[in-house]
Amino acid sequence: MVRLAEQFNHDTPMDMCLKIQEATGERLGVIDVVLWRYCNLNGSIGKFDSQSKVNTMDEWMTEQLEQEKKDREVLNQVKLIATDEYFKNIELELDESEHPSNYRIVNEPVGDFQKSDELDTWVNQNTGGGVSGDSWAGTMCVLLPDGKYLMWDYWM
């Protein structure tokens, strides 16, 4: 984050995040995670040396912030049909997932069934290898009270 802030002429990462917050109205935690994810997926920020790359990052940031809003809307729909306890268990499952995103409600689950005391879940996991050889991504589904499924993507 320090290199990212320096690349875009900010004194500190906090200064950079505050400027983005001022422009977008997003929470600092969301901005921090989105920037961290961008750096993680795209390597060293030192690779950005042209205006076109900056525009690409800006577009990516906007896309990620829009996805965060869509995810919140889906969770609000789920909250309307689930009991408080059931919704809390879903939130715990999301918290245990690595980088959950792209929430959606679907008619059929994807992946292998995994029974637990709290939730019925389905996991579809793939290895991405990555630099360390220990990179995972996939989808997860949770049965909702109305018979549909909350699905999301995750990666680590």
Protein backbone atom coordinates (compact mmCIF):
# COMPACT_ATOMS: atom_id res chain seq x y z
CA MET A 1 0.00 0.00 0.00
CA VAL A 2 2.93 2.32 0.64
CA ARG A 3 4.21 1.83 -2.93
CA LEU A 4 0.71 2.36 -4.28
CA ALA A 5 0.35 5.63 -2.37
CA GLU A 6 3.76 6.80 -3.56
CA GLN A 7 2.97 5.86 -7.17
CA PHE A 8 -0.11 8.10 -7.09
CA ASN A 9 1.57 10.98 -5.23
CA HIS A 10 0.01 10.51 -1.79
CA ASP A 11 2.01 10.98 1.39
CA THR A 12 0.62 7.85 3.06
CA PRO A 13 -1.75 5.00 2.29
CA MET A 14 -4.25 6.59 4.72
CA ASP A 15 -4.07 9.87 2.79
CA MET A 16 -4.75 7.97 -0.44
CA CYS A 17 -7.70 6.07 1.09
CA LEU A 18 -9.18 9.27 2.54
CA LYS A 19 -9.03 10.96 -0.90
CA ILE A 20 -10.79 7.98 -2.46
CA GLN A 21 -13.38 8.03 0.33
CA GLU A 22 -13.98 11.72 -0.28
CA ALA A 23 -14.56 11.05 -3.99
CA THR A 24 -16.69 7.90 -3.63
CA GLY A 25 -18.35 8.04 -0.22
CA GLU A 26 -17.25 4.45 0.49
CA ARG A 27 -16.09 3.21 3.89
CA LEU A 28 -12.33 3.17 4.50
CA GLY A 29 -12.36 -0.59 5.18
CA VAL A 30 -13.89 -1.29 1.77
CA ILE A 31 -11.39 0.97 0.01
CA ASP A 32 -8.47 -0.63 1.83
CA VAL A 33 -9.57 -4.17 0.91
CA VAL A 34 -10.21 -3.26 -2.73
CA LEU A 35 -6.80 -1.62 -3.13
CA TRP A 36 -5.05 -4.47 -1.35
CA ARG A 37 -6.83 -6.98 -3.62
CA TYR A 38 -5.87 -5.04 -6.73
CA CYS A 39 -2.21 -5.01 -5.70
CA ASN A 40 -2.37 -8.68 -4.79
CA LEU A 41 -3.85 -9.69 -8.15
CA ASN A 42 -1.70 -7.41 -10.29
CA GLY A 43 1.71 -7.65 -8.65
CA SER A 44 3.99 -4.81 -7.77
CA ILE A 45 2.48 -1.39 -8.21
CA GLY A 46 5.82 -0.31 -9.71
CA LYS A 47 4.60 -1.87 -12.95
CA PHE A 48 2.21 1.06 -13.44
CA ASP A 49 4.03 3.58 -15.55
CA SER A 50 1.46 4.83 -18.06
CA GLN A 51 -1.83 6.70 -17.97
CA SER A 52 -3.60 3.72 -19.52
CA LYS A 53 -2.62 1.54 -16.54
CA VAL A 54 -3.91 4.18 -14.12
CA ASN A 55 -7.20 4.29 -16.00
CA THR A 56 -7.39 0.51 -15.84
CA MET A 57 -6.86 0.60 -12.08
CA ASP A 58 -9.48 3.34 -11.70
CA GLU A 59 -11.95 1.31 -13.73
CA TRP A 60 -11.15 -1.81 -11.72
CA MET A 61 -11.61 0.10 -8.45
CA THR A 62 -14.98 1.42 -9.61
CA GLU A 63 -16.03 -2.08 -10.65
CA GLN A 64 -15.03 -3.51 -7.26
CA LEU A 65 -16.91 -0.81 -5.36
CA GLU A 66 -20.01 -1.46 -7.48
CA GLN A 67 -19.70 -5.19 -6.73
CA GLU A 68 -19.51 -4.44 -2.99
CA LYS A 69 -22.81 -2.55 -3.27
CA LYS A 70 -24.43 -5.42 -5.20
CA ASP A 71 -23.19 -7.89 -2.58
CA ARG A 72 -24.76 -5.82 0.20
CA GLU A 73 -28.06 -5.71 -1.72
CA VAL A 74 -28.08 -9.52 -2.03
CA LEU A 75 -27.34 -9.92 1.68
CA ASN A 76 -30.21 -7.57 2.46
CA GLN A 77 -32.51 -9.85 0.41
CA VAL A 78 -31.24 -12.87 2.33
CA LYS A 79 -31.78 -11.10 5.64
CA LEU A 80 -35.45 -10.61 4.75
CA ILE A 81 -36.09 -14.36 4.42
CA ALA A 82 -33.78 -15.75 7.11
CA THR A 83 -34.14 -15.74 10.86
CA ASP A 84 -31.60 -13.65 12.74
CA GLU A 85 -29.78 -16.78 13.91
CA TYR A 86 -29.68 -18.31 10.43
CA PHE A 87 -28.43 -15.04 8.93
CA LYS A 88 -25.74 -14.84 11.62
CA ASN A 89 -24.56 -18.33 10.60
CA ILE A 90 -24.42 -17.22 6.96
CA GLU A 91 -22.36 -14.18 7.97
CA LEU A 92 -19.99 -16.45 9.91
CA GLU A 93 -19.61 -18.69 6.84
CA LEU A 94 -18.84 -15.63 4.70
CA ASP A 95 -16.30 -14.45 7.27
CA GLU A 96 -14.57 -17.84 7.13
CA SER A 97 -14.39 -17.71 3.34
CA GLU A 98 -11.32 -16.09 1.88
CA HIS A 99 -12.27 -12.89 0.03
CA PRO A 100 -15.96 -13.62 -0.62
CA SER A 101 -17.54 -11.64 -3.46
CA ASN A 102 -20.07 -11.76 -6.28
CA TYR A 103 -22.99 -12.81 -4.07
CA ARG A 104 -26.04 -14.08 -5.92
CA ILE A 105 -29.18 -16.09 -5.29
CA VAL A 106 -29.44 -19.19 -7.48
CA ASN A 107 -31.91 -22.06 -7.94
CA GLU A 108 -29.39 -24.92 -7.78
CA PRO A 109 -26.16 -25.35 -5.79
CA VAL A 110 -22.76 -25.94 -7.37
CA GLY A 111 -20.08 -28.13 -5.81
CA ASP A 112 -19.81 -30.92 -3.30
CA PHE A 113 -22.29 -31.09 -0.43
CA GLN A 114 -20.93 -30.49 3.08
CA LYS A 115 -23.24 -30.99 6.05
CA SER A 116 -22.73 -29.01 9.24
CA ASP A 117 -24.84 -28.41 12.33
CA GLU A 118 -25.67 -24.85 11.30
CA LEU A 119 -25.88 -24.80 7.49
CA ASP A 120 -26.06 -27.04 4.45
CA THR A 121 -23.24 -25.92 2.14
CA TRP A 122 -21.82 -26.85 -1.25
CA VAL A 123 -18.21 -26.09 -2.18
CA ASN A 124 -16.63 -26.05 -5.62
CA GLN A 125 -12.89 -25.53 -5.12
CA ASN A 126 -10.05 -25.32 -7.62
CA THR A 127 -6.36 -24.85 -7.17
CA GLY A 128 -4.80 -21.95 -8.99
CA GLY A 129 -1.23 -22.86 -8.11
CA GLY A 130 -0.02 -19.31 -7.68
CA VAL A 131 3.54 -18.37 -6.83
CA SER A 132 3.48 -20.38 -3.60
CA GLY A 133 1.65 -23.35 -5.13
CA ASP A 134 -1.05 -22.88 -2.48
CA SER A 135 -3.68 -20.75 -4.18
CA TRP A 136 -7.37 -21.68 -4.07
CA ALA A 137 -10.51 -20.30 -5.62
CA GLY A 138 -14.04 -21.43 -6.20
CA THR A 139 -17.67 -20.99 -5.28
CA MET A 140 -19.66 -21.74 -2.20
CA CYS A 141 -23.43 -22.17 -1.82
CA VAL A 142 -25.63 -22.10 1.27
CA LEU A 143 -29.21 -23.36 1.38
CA LEU A 144 -31.66 -20.54 2.12
CA PRO A 145 -34.96 -20.94 3.99
CA ASP A 146 -36.96 -20.45 0.76
CA GLY A 147 -35.25 -23.40 -0.97
CA LYS A 148 -32.93 -21.26 -3.09
CA TYR A 149 -29.20 -20.85 -2.53
CA LEU A 150 -26.85 -18.00 -1.71
CA MET A 151 -23.76 -18.46 -3.90
CA TRP A 152 -20.49 -16.52 -3.75
CA ASP A 153 -16.98 -16.67 -5.14
CA TYR A 154 -13.89 -16.90 -2.96
CA TRP A 155 -10.14 -16.95 -3.49
CA MET A 156 -6.98 -17.12 -1.42
